[in-house]
Amino acid sequence: MHWRPKEYWPAGTKVKVDAKVYGKDLGGGLYGQEDRSASFTIGKSKIAIADGVSKHMKIYIDGKQITNLAGKDVTAGIPISMGKGGTERTATGVVDFTTNSGPHVVTTKQDVYRMTSASFGITDPKSPNFYDAQIKKAVRISGDGEFVHLADWNIPQQGKVNTSHGCINVAPVFIYWFYDTFGAGDIVDVTGTSRHLDVRNGLGDWVLSWEQWQKGSALA
């Protein structure tokens, strides 16, 4: 069960949820087991906008752009390198190396996370797209494996060329701050690419327009 307002939740909003589902027919022979309630307060607004054209990522906290990080002017945004584009066919389908455009939602993050091309079918070490590495400061933003993460091996490309397999690569000087600041529920909105995030790829609620969202509502 998902619910969202028309725009991103305003910071400080107090939310109380009462799900009266006990005994309700949920379809497919499934019935609600018990009523549930939850309360929470929305934290700070944290939005990153990663642009595949400029190869920079601007960051806004409570609506104000961060223009200085680690003593560096980031008015134009943090230099990044995104998905290089192109495809490779595997036994299970076609892998696309373009970062998805659209509002991504941070779900999890790991200080060290193993990333391997075998997860989407590329297992031949001779493939130019093969990799198996322990990646630091990995912030997951989609279900199919897009992350914002540390990439100290291609700092010269960041801000200039998109070279990744789909993730958003960031230099050490910036990623530690990003990792400590962004968490579950925060937004990483990707723009300027030819591929678009599917609503089922992670927490895709914000991918839909308000009109599309209302059409699928059980309350309509």
N, C-alpha and C. Protein backbone atom coordinates (compact mmCIF):
# COMPACT_ATOMS: atom_id res chain seq x y z
N MET A 1 0.85 -1.18 0.00
CA MET A 1 0.00 0.00 0.00
C MET A 1 0.89 1.24 0.00
N HIS A 2 0.69 2.11 -0.99
CA HIS A 2 1.50 3.32 -1.10
C HIS A 2 0.59 4.55 -1.09
N TRP A 3 1.08 5.61 -0.50
CA TRP A 3 0.38 6.89 -0.55
C TRP A 3 1.42 7.99 -0.66
N ARG A 4 1.12 9.02 -1.46
CA ARG A 4 2.02 10.16 -1.60
C ARG A 4 1.21 11.42 -1.84
N PRO A 5 1.73 12.57 -1.43
CA PRO A 5 1.08 13.83 -1.78
C PRO A 5 1.43 14.24 -3.20
N LYS A 6 0.90 15.37 -3.65
CA LYS A 6 1.15 15.83 -5.01
C LYS A 6 2.61 16.19 -5.20
N GLU A 7 3.20 16.89 -4.24
CA GLU A 7 4.60 17.30 -4.28
C GLU A 7 5.37 16.55 -3.20
N TYR A 8 6.70 16.68 -3.21
CA TYR A 8 7.50 16.04 -2.16
C TYR A 8 7.01 16.49 -0.79
N TRP A 9 7.09 15.60 0.17
CA TRP A 9 6.66 15.92 1.53
C TRP A 9 7.41 17.16 2.05
N PRO A 10 6.72 18.17 2.56
CA PRO A 10 7.41 19.32 3.16
C PRO A 10 8.14 18.89 4.44
N ALA A 11 9.32 19.45 4.67
CA ALA A 11 10.08 19.14 5.88
C ALA A 11 9.25 19.47 7.12
N GLY A 12 9.31 18.60 8.12
CA GLY A 12 8.60 18.82 9.37
C GLY A 12 7.17 18.33 9.39
N THR A 13 6.68 17.79 8.27
CA THR A 13 5.31 17.29 8.22
C THR A 13 5.15 16.10 9.17
N LYS A 14 4.10 16.15 9.99
CA LYS A 14 3.82 15.04 10.90
C LYS A 14 2.77 14.15 10.24
N VAL A 15 3.08 12.86 10.16
CA VAL A 15 2.23 11.91 9.44
C VAL A 15 1.78 10.81 10.38
N LYS A 16 0.48 10.50 10.34
CA LYS A 16 -0.05 9.36 11.09
C LYS A 16 -0.82 8.48 10.13
N VAL A 17 -0.50 7.20 10.15
CA VAL A 17 -1.11 6.24 9.24
C VAL A 17 -1.92 5.23 10.04
N ASP A 18 -3.18 5.05 9.65
CA ASP A 18 -4.03 4.01 10.23
C ASP A 18 -4.49 3.11 9.09
N ALA A 19 -3.99 1.89 9.07
CA ALA A 19 -4.37 0.92 8.04
C ALA A 19 -5.33 -0.09 8.63
N LYS A 20 -6.61 0.12 8.36
CA LYS A 20 -7.63 -0.78 8.91
C LYS A 20 -7.90 -1.88 7.88
N VAL A 21 -7.03 -2.87 7.92
CA VAL A 21 -7.07 -3.92 6.90
C VAL A 21 -7.49 -5.29 7.44
N TYR A 22 -7.78 -5.38 8.75
CA TYR A 22 -8.15 -6.69 9.31
C TYR A 22 -9.39 -7.24 8.60
N GLY A 23 -9.24 -8.45 8.06
CA GLY A 23 -10.35 -9.13 7.42
C GLY A 23 -10.68 -8.65 6.02
N LYS A 24 -9.94 -7.64 5.53
CA LYS A 24 -10.22 -7.12 4.19
C LYS A 24 -9.70 -8.09 3.12
N ASP A 25 -10.50 -8.26 2.06
CA ASP A 25 -10.10 -9.11 0.94
C ASP A 25 -9.10 -8.33 0.09
N LEU A 26 -7.84 -8.74 0.12
CA LEU A 26 -6.78 -8.06 -0.61
C LEU A 26 -6.53 -8.67 -1.98
N GLY A 27 -7.30 -9.70 -2.33
CA GLY A 27 -7.17 -10.33 -3.64
C GLY A 27 -6.27 -11.55 -3.61
N GLY A 28 -6.51 -12.45 -4.51
CA GLY A 28 -5.67 -13.65 -4.62
C GLY A 28 -5.72 -14.54 -3.40
N GLY A 29 -6.83 -14.52 -2.69
CA GLY A 29 -6.97 -15.34 -1.49
C GLY A 29 -6.27 -14.79 -0.26
N LEU A 30 -5.79 -13.55 -0.35
CA LEU A 30 -5.07 -12.93 0.77
C LEU A 30 -6.01 -11.98 1.51
N TYR A 31 -6.02 -12.10 2.86
CA TYR A 31 -6.85 -11.24 3.69
C TYR A 31 -5.99 -10.52 4.72
N GLY A 32 -6.38 -9.31 5.06
CA GLY A 32 -5.65 -8.55 6.06
C GLY A 32 -5.63 -9.27 7.40
N GLN A 33 -4.45 -9.38 8.01
CA GLN A 33 -4.29 -10.16 9.24
C GLN A 33 -4.55 -9.32 10.49
N GLU A 34 -4.18 -8.03 10.42
CA GLU A 34 -4.44 -7.15 11.56
C GLU A 34 -4.33 -5.69 11.13
N ASP A 35 -5.03 -4.83 11.87
CA ASP A 35 -4.91 -3.39 11.64
C ASP A 35 -3.55 -2.92 12.12
N ARG A 36 -3.00 -1.91 11.44
CA ARG A 36 -1.70 -1.39 11.83
C ARG A 36 -1.74 0.14 11.85
N SER A 37 -0.91 0.74 12.72
CA SER A 37 -0.79 2.19 12.79
C SER A 37 0.68 2.56 12.88
N ALA A 38 1.01 3.73 12.38
CA ALA A 38 2.38 4.24 12.45
C ALA A 38 2.35 5.76 12.42
N SER A 39 3.35 6.37 13.07
CA SER A 39 3.48 7.82 13.06
C SER A 39 4.93 8.18 12.81
N PHE A 40 5.14 9.25 12.05
CA PHE A 40 6.51 9.69 11.80
C PHE A 40 6.48 11.16 11.39
N THR A 41 7.67 11.78 11.43
CA THR A 41 7.82 13.18 11.05
C THR A 41 8.83 13.26 9.90
N ILE A 42 8.48 14.00 8.86
CA ILE A 42 9.38 14.16 7.71
C ILE A 42 10.57 15.02 8.12
N GLY A 43 11.77 14.56 7.79
CA GLY A 43 13.00 15.29 8.13
C GLY A 43 13.30 16.39 7.13
N LYS A 44 14.54 16.78 7.07
CA LYS A 44 14.96 17.83 6.15
C LYS A 44 14.72 17.41 4.70
N SER A 45 14.45 18.40 3.86
CA SER A 45 14.38 18.16 2.42
C SER A 45 15.79 18.05 1.89
N LYS A 46 16.11 16.89 1.29
CA LYS A 46 17.43 16.67 0.70
C LYS A 46 17.24 16.14 -0.71
N ILE A 47 17.61 16.97 -1.69
CA ILE A 47 17.40 16.64 -3.10
C ILE A 47 18.69 16.86 -3.87
N ALA A 48 19.13 15.84 -4.58
CA ALA A 48 20.29 15.95 -5.48
C ALA A 48 19.77 15.85 -6.91
N ILE A 49 20.25 16.72 -7.79
CA ILE A 49 19.86 16.69 -9.20
C ILE A 49 21.11 16.41 -10.02
N ALA A 50 21.18 15.18 -10.56
CA ALA A 50 22.34 14.73 -11.32
C ALA A 50 22.03 14.83 -12.81
N ASP A 51 22.80 15.64 -13.52
CA ASP A 51 22.52 15.90 -14.93
C ASP A 51 23.53 15.19 -15.83
N GLY A 52 23.02 14.35 -16.73
CA GLY A 52 23.88 13.60 -17.62
C GLY A 52 24.52 14.44 -18.71
N VAL A 53 23.99 15.64 -18.94
CA VAL A 53 24.56 16.52 -19.96
C VAL A 53 25.73 17.32 -19.40
N SER A 54 25.52 17.96 -18.25
CA SER A 54 26.59 18.77 -17.65
C SER A 54 27.60 17.93 -16.89
N LYS A 55 27.22 16.68 -16.55
CA LYS A 55 28.06 15.79 -15.73
C LYS A 55 28.35 16.41 -14.36
N HIS A 56 27.35 17.05 -13.79
CA HIS A 56 27.45 17.64 -12.45
C HIS A 56 26.17 17.33 -11.68
N MET A 57 26.28 17.30 -10.36
CA MET A 57 25.14 17.02 -9.50
C MET A 57 24.98 18.15 -8.47
N LYS A 58 23.88 18.89 -8.61
CA LYS A 58 23.59 19.96 -7.66
C LYS A 58 22.82 19.39 -6.47
N ILE A 59 23.10 19.94 -5.29
CA ILE A 59 22.48 19.43 -4.07
C ILE A 59 21.77 20.56 -3.35
N TYR A 60 20.54 20.26 -2.91
CA TYR A 60 19.71 21.25 -2.21
C TYR A 60 19.29 20.68 -0.86
N ILE A 61 19.53 21.45 0.19
CA ILE A 61 19.08 21.08 1.54
C ILE A 61 18.04 22.11 1.97
N ASP A 62 16.82 21.62 2.26
CA ASP A 62 15.71 22.51 2.60
C ASP A 62 15.56 23.64 1.60
N GLY A 63 15.73 23.30 0.32
CA GLY A 63 15.50 24.23 -0.76
C GLY A 63 16.67 25.13 -1.10
N LYS A 64 17.74 25.10 -0.31
CA LYS A 64 18.89 25.96 -0.55
C LYS A 64 20.03 25.15 -1.14
N GLN A 65 20.59 25.64 -2.26
CA GLN A 65 21.67 24.89 -2.90
C GLN A 65 22.96 24.97 -2.09
N ILE A 66 23.62 23.81 -1.98
CA ILE A 66 24.95 23.75 -1.38
C ILE A 66 25.95 24.23 -2.43
N THR A 67 26.67 25.29 -2.13
CA THR A 67 27.59 25.87 -3.12
C THR A 67 29.06 25.71 -2.74
N ASN A 68 29.31 25.18 -1.55
CA ASN A 68 30.70 24.97 -1.12
C ASN A 68 30.79 23.67 -0.34
N LEU A 69 31.67 22.78 -0.78
CA LEU A 69 31.91 21.52 -0.09
C LEU A 69 33.41 21.28 -0.02
N ALA A 70 33.89 20.95 1.16
CA ALA A 70 35.32 20.67 1.36
C ALA A 70 36.19 21.81 0.84
N GLY A 71 35.69 23.04 1.01
CA GLY A 71 36.46 24.20 0.57
C GLY A 71 36.47 24.42 -0.92
N LYS A 72 35.60 23.70 -1.65
CA LYS A 72 35.56 23.83 -3.10
C LYS A 72 34.23 24.43 -3.54
N ASP A 73 34.28 25.29 -4.55
CA ASP A 73 33.08 25.91 -5.10
C ASP A 73 32.33 24.87 -5.94
N VAL A 74 31.12 24.55 -5.51
CA VAL A 74 30.31 23.57 -6.25
C VAL A 74 29.00 24.22 -6.71
N THR A 75 29.07 25.49 -7.02
CA THR A 75 27.89 26.19 -7.53
C THR A 75 27.36 25.51 -8.78
N ALA A 76 28.26 25.03 -9.63
CA ALA A 76 27.86 24.32 -10.86
C ALA A 76 27.47 22.88 -10.56
N GLY A 77 27.69 22.44 -9.34
CA GLY A 77 27.40 21.08 -8.93
C GLY A 77 28.68 20.28 -8.70
N ILE A 78 28.51 19.13 -8.05
CA ILE A 78 29.62 18.21 -7.84
C ILE A 78 29.94 17.51 -9.16
N PRO A 79 31.21 17.44 -9.57
CA PRO A 79 31.55 16.70 -10.80
C PRO A 79 31.22 15.22 -10.64
N ILE A 80 30.56 14.66 -11.63
CA ILE A 80 30.19 13.24 -11.59
C ILE A 80 30.44 12.60 -12.95
N SER A 81 30.38 11.28 -12.97
CA SER A 81 30.40 10.52 -14.22
C SER A 81 29.26 9.51 -14.13
N MET A 82 28.37 9.52 -15.12
CA MET A 82 27.20 8.65 -15.11
C MET A 82 27.33 7.56 -16.17
N GLY A 83 26.22 6.88 -16.44
CA GLY A 83 26.24 5.76 -17.37
C GLY A 83 26.72 6.13 -18.76
N LYS A 84 27.61 5.31 -19.30
CA LYS A 84 28.26 5.61 -20.58
C LYS A 84 27.37 5.35 -21.79
N GLY A 85 26.23 4.67 -21.57
CA GLY A 85 25.37 4.33 -22.68
C GLY A 85 25.84 3.08 -23.40
N GLY A 86 25.11 2.68 -24.42
CA GLY A 86 25.45 1.46 -25.13
C GLY A 86 24.84 0.24 -24.45
N THR A 87 24.92 -0.90 -25.11
CA THR A 87 24.33 -2.12 -24.59
C THR A 87 25.25 -3.32 -24.80
N GLU A 88 24.96 -4.39 -24.09
CA GLU A 88 25.61 -5.68 -24.34
C GLU A 88 24.56 -6.76 -24.16
N ARG A 89 24.52 -7.68 -25.11
CA ARG A 89 23.56 -8.78 -25.03
C ARG A 89 24.15 -9.93 -24.21
N THR A 90 23.34 -10.46 -23.32
CA THR A 90 23.74 -11.61 -22.50
C THR A 90 22.74 -12.74 -22.73
N ALA A 91 22.98 -13.86 -22.03
CA ALA A 91 22.08 -15.01 -22.18
C ALA A 91 20.69 -14.70 -21.64
N THR A 92 20.59 -13.70 -20.77
CA THR A 92 19.29 -13.39 -20.16
C THR A 92 18.63 -12.14 -20.73
N GLY A 93 19.30 -11.45 -21.66
CA GLY A 93 18.70 -10.26 -22.23
C GLY A 93 19.74 -9.23 -22.62
N VAL A 94 19.28 -7.99 -22.78
CA VAL A 94 20.16 -6.90 -23.18
C VAL A 94 20.39 -5.97 -21.98
N VAL A 95 21.66 -5.69 -21.71
CA VAL A 95 22.02 -4.80 -20.61
C VAL A 95 22.27 -3.41 -21.19
N ASP A 96 21.62 -2.41 -20.61
CA ASP A 96 21.76 -1.03 -21.06
C ASP A 96 22.58 -0.27 -20.02
N PHE A 97 23.63 0.43 -20.45
CA PHE A 97 24.53 1.13 -19.54
C PHE A 97 24.22 2.62 -19.44
N THR A 98 22.97 2.99 -19.71
CA THR A 98 22.53 4.37 -19.57
C THR A 98 21.86 4.56 -18.21
N THR A 99 22.24 5.57 -17.47
CA THR A 99 21.58 5.87 -16.19
C THR A 99 20.15 6.30 -16.47
N ASN A 100 19.22 5.80 -15.67
CA ASN A 100 17.81 6.16 -15.84
C ASN A 100 17.54 7.59 -15.41
N SER A 101 16.85 8.36 -16.26
CA SER A 101 16.37 9.67 -15.84
C SER A 101 15.12 9.50 -14.98
N GLY A 102 14.88 10.45 -14.11
CA GLY A 102 13.69 10.43 -13.26
C GLY A 102 14.05 10.51 -11.79
N PRO A 103 13.06 10.80 -10.94
CA PRO A 103 13.30 10.92 -9.50
C PRO A 103 13.55 9.56 -8.86
N HIS A 104 14.78 9.34 -8.41
CA HIS A 104 15.14 8.13 -7.67
C HIS A 104 15.00 8.43 -6.17
N VAL A 105 14.73 7.39 -5.40
CA VAL A 105 14.64 7.52 -3.95
C VAL A 105 15.72 6.64 -3.31
N VAL A 106 16.50 7.22 -2.41
CA VAL A 106 17.51 6.44 -1.68
C VAL A 106 16.80 5.39 -0.84
N THR A 107 17.27 4.15 -0.94
CA THR A 107 16.68 3.06 -0.14
C THR A 107 17.64 2.55 0.92
N THR A 108 18.86 2.22 0.53
CA THR A 108 19.85 1.70 1.48
C THR A 108 21.21 2.31 1.18
N LYS A 109 22.15 2.09 2.09
CA LYS A 109 23.54 2.48 1.81
C LYS A 109 24.47 1.56 2.59
N GLN A 110 25.62 1.25 1.98
CA GLN A 110 26.62 0.37 2.57
C GLN A 110 27.99 1.02 2.51
N ASP A 111 28.73 0.89 3.60
CA ASP A 111 30.08 1.46 3.63
C ASP A 111 30.96 0.77 2.59
N VAL A 112 30.77 -0.54 2.42
CA VAL A 112 31.45 -1.31 1.36
C VAL A 112 30.44 -2.28 0.78
N TYR A 113 30.36 -2.32 -0.55
CA TYR A 113 29.36 -3.17 -1.20
C TYR A 113 29.98 -3.83 -2.43
N ARG A 114 29.81 -5.14 -2.54
CA ARG A 114 30.35 -5.85 -3.70
C ARG A 114 29.46 -5.62 -4.91
N MET A 115 30.05 -5.12 -5.98
CA MET A 115 29.34 -4.93 -7.25
C MET A 115 29.98 -5.82 -8.30
N THR A 116 29.15 -6.58 -9.01
CA THR A 116 29.66 -7.48 -10.03
C THR A 116 28.75 -7.49 -11.24
N SER A 117 29.33 -7.51 -12.41
CA SER A 117 28.56 -7.56 -13.65
C SER A 117 27.80 -8.87 -13.79
N ALA A 118 28.19 -9.87 -13.02
CA ALA A 118 27.49 -11.16 -13.08
C ALA A 118 26.04 -11.01 -12.62
N SER A 119 25.76 -9.98 -11.84
CA SER A 119 24.40 -9.78 -11.34
C SER A 119 23.42 -9.50 -12.47
N PHE A 120 23.90 -9.02 -13.62
CA PHE A 120 23.01 -8.85 -14.76
C PHE A 120 23.49 -9.62 -15.99
N GLY A 121 24.25 -10.69 -15.76
CA GLY A 121 24.52 -11.66 -16.81
C GLY A 121 25.85 -11.56 -17.52
N ILE A 122 26.71 -10.59 -17.16
CA ILE A 122 28.02 -10.48 -17.82
C ILE A 122 29.05 -11.19 -16.94
N THR A 123 29.42 -12.41 -17.35
CA THR A 123 30.30 -13.25 -16.53
C THR A 123 31.66 -13.52 -17.17
N ASP A 124 31.81 -13.15 -18.41
CA ASP A 124 33.06 -13.41 -19.12
C ASP A 124 34.08 -12.31 -18.81
N PRO A 125 35.19 -12.66 -18.15
CA PRO A 125 36.20 -11.64 -17.81
C PRO A 125 36.77 -10.93 -19.03
N LYS A 126 36.61 -11.52 -20.23
CA LYS A 126 37.11 -10.89 -21.44
C LYS A 126 36.21 -9.75 -21.93
N SER A 127 34.99 -9.69 -21.40
CA SER A 127 34.08 -8.62 -21.80
C SER A 127 34.60 -7.29 -21.28
N PRO A 128 34.57 -6.22 -22.07
CA PRO A 128 35.00 -4.91 -21.59
C PRO A 128 34.08 -4.37 -20.50
N ASN A 129 32.91 -5.00 -20.33
CA ASN A 129 31.97 -4.55 -19.32
C ASN A 129 31.94 -5.45 -18.09
N PHE A 130 32.89 -6.39 -18.02
CA PHE A 130 32.98 -7.27 -16.85
C PHE A 130 33.64 -6.53 -15.68
N TYR A 131 33.10 -6.73 -14.48
CA TYR A 131 33.74 -6.19 -13.28
C TYR A 131 33.28 -6.97 -12.06
N ASP A 132 34.10 -6.96 -11.05
CA ASP A 132 33.79 -7.57 -9.76
C ASP A 132 34.64 -6.82 -8.74
N ALA A 133 34.02 -5.92 -8.00
CA ALA A 133 34.80 -5.03 -7.14
C ALA A 133 34.07 -4.72 -5.84
N GLN A 134 34.83 -4.39 -4.82
CA GLN A 134 34.30 -3.91 -3.55
C GLN A 134 34.25 -2.39 -3.62
N ILE A 135 33.07 -1.83 -3.63
CA ILE A 135 32.87 -0.40 -3.82
C ILE A 135 32.54 0.27 -2.49
N LYS A 136 33.20 1.38 -2.22
CA LYS A 136 33.00 2.09 -0.96
C LYS A 136 31.93 3.18 -1.10
N LYS A 137 31.27 3.45 0.02
CA LYS A 137 30.29 4.53 0.14
C LYS A 137 29.21 4.42 -0.94
N ALA A 138 28.51 3.28 -0.92
CA ALA A 138 27.52 2.96 -1.95
C ALA A 138 26.12 3.31 -1.46
N VAL A 139 25.48 4.26 -2.13
CA VAL A 139 24.14 4.71 -1.79
C VAL A 139 23.19 4.24 -2.89
N ARG A 140 22.33 3.27 -2.58
CA ARG A 140 21.45 2.69 -3.60
C ARG A 140 20.28 3.62 -3.91
N ILE A 141 20.00 3.80 -5.22
CA ILE A 141 18.91 4.67 -5.62
C ILE A 141 17.90 3.99 -6.55
N SER A 142 18.13 2.72 -6.91
CA SER A 142 17.13 2.00 -7.71
C SER A 142 17.23 0.52 -7.42
N GLY A 143 16.18 -0.20 -7.81
CA GLY A 143 16.15 -1.63 -7.55
C GLY A 143 17.11 -2.43 -8.41
N ASP A 144 17.38 -1.96 -9.63
CA ASP A 144 18.21 -2.75 -10.53
C ASP A 144 19.70 -2.44 -10.42
N GLY A 145 20.10 -1.69 -9.39
CA GLY A 145 21.53 -1.56 -9.11
C GLY A 145 22.17 -0.24 -9.43
N GLU A 146 21.41 0.85 -9.51
CA GLU A 146 22.02 2.17 -9.65
C GLU A 146 22.38 2.69 -8.27
N PHE A 147 23.60 3.19 -8.14
CA PHE A 147 24.10 3.72 -6.88
C PHE A 147 24.77 5.07 -7.13
N VAL A 148 24.84 5.89 -6.09
CA VAL A 148 25.81 6.99 -6.04
C VAL A 148 26.94 6.44 -5.18
N HIS A 149 28.17 6.43 -5.71
CA HIS A 149 29.25 5.81 -4.93
C HIS A 149 30.60 6.42 -5.22
N LEU A 150 31.55 6.12 -4.37
CA LEU A 150 32.93 6.57 -4.54
C LEU A 150 33.53 5.90 -5.77
N ALA A 151 34.22 6.70 -6.58
CA ALA A 151 34.92 6.16 -7.75
C ALA A 151 36.20 6.96 -7.94
N ASP A 152 37.23 6.56 -7.20
CA ASP A 152 38.50 7.31 -7.25
C ASP A 152 39.35 6.93 -8.45
N TRP A 153 38.92 5.90 -9.21
CA TRP A 153 39.70 5.45 -10.36
C TRP A 153 39.44 6.30 -11.61
N ASN A 154 38.39 7.10 -11.61
CA ASN A 154 38.11 7.88 -12.82
C ASN A 154 37.85 9.35 -12.52
N ILE A 155 38.53 9.88 -11.51
CA ILE A 155 38.37 11.29 -11.16
C ILE A 155 38.58 12.21 -12.37
N PRO A 156 39.56 11.96 -13.24
CA PRO A 156 39.75 12.86 -14.39
C PRO A 156 38.54 12.94 -15.32
N GLN A 157 37.69 11.90 -15.31
CA GLN A 157 36.52 11.89 -16.19
C GLN A 157 35.31 12.60 -15.58
N GLN A 158 35.31 12.73 -14.25
CA GLN A 158 34.15 13.30 -13.58
C GLN A 158 33.99 14.78 -13.92
N GLY A 159 32.78 15.14 -14.32
CA GLY A 159 32.51 16.49 -14.79
C GLY A 159 32.76 16.67 -16.27
N LYS A 160 33.27 15.59 -16.92
CA LYS A 160 33.65 15.71 -18.33
C LYS A 160 33.04 14.62 -19.22
N VAL A 161 33.14 13.36 -18.78
CA VAL A 161 32.69 12.25 -19.63
C VAL A 161 31.93 11.24 -18.78
N ASN A 162 30.84 10.70 -19.33
CA ASN A 162 30.10 9.64 -18.66
C ASN A 162 30.74 8.30 -19.01
N THR A 163 31.24 7.60 -18.00
CA THR A 163 32.01 6.37 -18.25
C THR A 163 31.54 5.17 -17.44
N SER A 164 30.55 5.33 -16.57
CA SER A 164 30.17 4.24 -15.67
C SER A 164 29.25 3.23 -16.36
N HIS A 165 28.93 2.17 -15.63
CA HIS A 165 28.00 1.16 -16.13
C HIS A 165 26.56 1.52 -15.78
N GLY A 166 26.33 2.72 -15.26
CA GLY A 166 24.98 3.17 -14.92
C GLY A 166 24.91 3.90 -13.59
N CYS A 167 25.90 3.69 -12.74
CA CYS A 167 25.92 4.37 -11.45
C CYS A 167 26.39 5.82 -11.59
N ILE A 168 26.27 6.56 -10.50
CA ILE A 168 26.75 7.94 -10.45
C ILE A 168 28.06 7.94 -9.66
N ASN A 169 29.17 8.16 -10.36
CA ASN A 169 30.51 8.12 -9.77
C ASN A 169 30.87 9.48 -9.18
N VAL A 170 31.42 9.46 -7.97
CA VAL A 170 31.77 10.69 -7.26
C VAL A 170 33.17 10.55 -6.66
N ALA A 171 33.91 11.64 -6.60
CA ALA A 171 35.27 11.64 -6.04
C ALA A 171 35.23 11.57 -4.51
N PRO A 172 36.32 11.09 -3.89
CA PRO A 172 36.38 10.98 -2.43
C PRO A 172 36.10 12.29 -1.70
N VAL A 173 36.55 13.40 -2.25
CA VAL A 173 36.40 14.68 -1.56
C VAL A 173 34.94 15.04 -1.33
N PHE A 174 34.02 14.48 -2.15
CA PHE A 174 32.60 14.80 -2.03
C PHE A 174 31.75 13.64 -1.52
N ILE A 175 32.10 12.40 -1.84
CA ILE A 175 31.21 11.28 -1.56
C ILE A 175 31.06 11.02 -0.06
N TYR A 176 32.08 11.30 0.73
CA TYR A 176 31.96 11.05 2.17
C TYR A 176 30.89 11.95 2.78
N TRP A 177 30.85 13.21 2.34
CA TRP A 177 29.80 14.12 2.82
C TRP A 177 28.44 13.65 2.33
N PHE A 178 28.35 13.26 1.06
CA PHE A 178 27.08 12.81 0.51
C PHE A 178 26.58 11.57 1.25
N TYR A 179 27.48 10.63 1.48
CA TYR A 179 27.11 9.39 2.16
C TYR A 179 26.59 9.66 3.57
N ASP A 180 27.23 10.56 4.29
CA ASP A 180 26.83 10.88 5.66
C ASP A 180 25.55 11.71 5.70
N THR A 181 25.26 12.45 4.64
CA THR A 181 24.14 13.39 4.64
C THR A 181 22.86 12.78 4.10
N PHE A 182 22.94 12.02 3.02
CA PHE A 182 21.75 11.46 2.39
C PHE A 182 21.42 10.09 2.96
N GLY A 183 20.12 9.82 3.09
CA GLY A 183 19.68 8.54 3.62
C GLY A 183 18.36 8.13 3.02
N ALA A 184 17.78 7.07 3.55
CA ALA A 184 16.55 6.50 3.02
C ALA A 184 15.46 7.57 2.89
N GLY A 185 14.83 7.60 1.72
CA GLY A 185 13.76 8.54 1.47
C GLY A 185 14.17 9.81 0.77
N ASP A 186 15.47 10.11 0.76
CA ASP A 186 15.94 11.32 0.08
C ASP A 186 15.96 11.11 -1.44
N ILE A 187 15.93 12.22 -2.17
CA ILE A 187 15.73 12.19 -3.62
C ILE A 187 17.03 12.42 -4.39
N VAL A 188 17.28 11.57 -5.39
CA VAL A 188 18.32 11.81 -6.38
C VAL A 188 17.62 11.83 -7.74
N ASP A 189 17.40 13.02 -8.26
CA ASP A 189 16.66 13.20 -9.51
C ASP A 189 17.65 13.28 -10.67
N VAL A 190 17.59 12.30 -11.56
CA VAL A 190 18.50 12.23 -12.70
C VAL A 190 17.84 12.86 -13.92
N THR A 191 18.59 13.71 -14.62
CA THR A 191 18.08 14.37 -15.82
C THR A 191 19.08 14.19 -16.97
N GLY A 192 18.61 14.45 -18.18
CA GLY A 192 19.52 14.53 -19.32
C GLY A 192 19.99 13.23 -19.91
N THR A 193 19.23 12.13 -19.70
CA THR A 193 19.61 10.86 -20.33
C THR A 193 18.45 10.36 -21.20
N SER A 194 18.73 9.38 -22.04
CA SER A 194 17.74 8.87 -22.99
C SER A 194 16.91 7.72 -22.44
N ARG A 195 17.18 7.32 -21.22
CA ARG A 195 16.48 6.18 -20.61
C ARG A 195 15.71 6.68 -19.40
N HIS A 196 14.53 6.11 -19.16
CA HIS A 196 13.67 6.64 -18.10
C HIS A 196 13.35 5.57 -17.05
N LEU A 197 13.39 5.98 -15.80
CA LEU A 197 13.17 5.08 -14.67
C LEU A 197 11.76 4.50 -14.69
N ASP A 198 11.67 3.19 -14.56
CA ASP A 198 10.38 2.51 -14.49
C ASP A 198 9.82 2.64 -13.08
N VAL A 199 8.52 2.76 -12.97
CA VAL A 199 7.88 2.95 -11.67
C VAL A 199 8.13 1.76 -10.74
N ARG A 200 8.43 0.59 -11.30
CA ARG A 200 8.67 -0.61 -10.48
C ARG A 200 10.14 -0.78 -10.11
N ASN A 201 10.97 0.14 -10.53
CA ASN A 201 12.42 0.03 -10.30
C ASN A 201 12.80 0.81 -9.05
N GLY A 202 12.64 0.18 -7.89
CA GLY A 202 12.88 0.87 -6.63
C GLY A 202 11.59 1.50 -6.13
N LEU A 203 11.71 2.58 -5.35
CA LEU A 203 10.53 3.30 -4.87
C LEU A 203 10.15 4.34 -5.91
N GLY A 204 9.39 3.91 -6.92
CA GLY A 204 9.14 4.74 -8.08
C GLY A 204 7.93 5.63 -8.01
N ASP A 205 7.40 5.85 -6.80
CA ASP A 205 6.16 6.62 -6.66
C ASP A 205 6.24 8.00 -7.33
N TRP A 206 7.40 8.65 -7.22
CA TRP A 206 7.53 10.02 -7.73
C TRP A 206 7.76 10.06 -9.23
N VAL A 207 7.96 8.90 -9.86
CA VAL A 207 8.15 8.86 -11.31
C VAL A 207 6.86 9.25 -12.03
N LEU A 208 5.72 8.88 -11.43
CA LEU A 208 4.43 9.17 -12.03
C LEU A 208 4.04 10.62 -11.84
N SER A 209 3.38 11.19 -12.86
CA SER A 209 2.79 12.52 -12.69
C SER A 209 1.64 12.40 -11.70
N TRP A 210 1.19 13.52 -11.16
CA TRP A 210 0.08 13.50 -10.21
C TRP A 210 -1.18 12.93 -10.87
N GLU A 211 -1.38 13.25 -12.16
CA GLU A 211 -2.55 12.75 -12.88
C GLU A 211 -2.48 11.23 -13.03
N GLN A 212 -1.29 10.72 -13.36
CA GLN A 212 -1.13 9.27 -13.48
C GLN A 212 -1.34 8.59 -12.13
N TRP A 213 -0.82 9.20 -11.08
CA TRP A 213 -0.94 8.63 -9.74
C TRP A 213 -2.41 8.51 -9.34
N GLN A 214 -3.18 9.56 -9.60
CA GLN A 214 -4.58 9.56 -9.20
C GLN A 214 -5.39 8.51 -9.96
N LYS A 215 -5.01 8.23 -11.21
CA LYS A 215 -5.73 7.24 -12.00
C LYS A 215 -5.61 5.84 -11.39
N GLY A 216 -4.51 5.58 -10.68
CA GLY A 216 -4.31 4.27 -10.09
C GLY A 216 -4.77 4.18 -8.65
N SER A 217 -5.38 5.24 -8.15
CA SER A 217 -5.75 5.28 -6.74
C SER A 217 -6.96 4.39 -6.42
N ALA A 218 -6.84 3.69 -5.30
CA ALA A 218 -7.97 2.90 -4.81
C ALA A 218 -9.04 3.80 -4.22
N LEU A 219 -8.69 5.08 -4.01
CA LEU A 219 -9.64 6.03 -3.43
C LEU A 219 -10.42 6.79 -4.49
N ALA A 220 -10.03 6.62 -5.78
CA ALA A 220 -10.67 7.38 -6.86
C ALA A 220 -12.10 6.92 -7.08
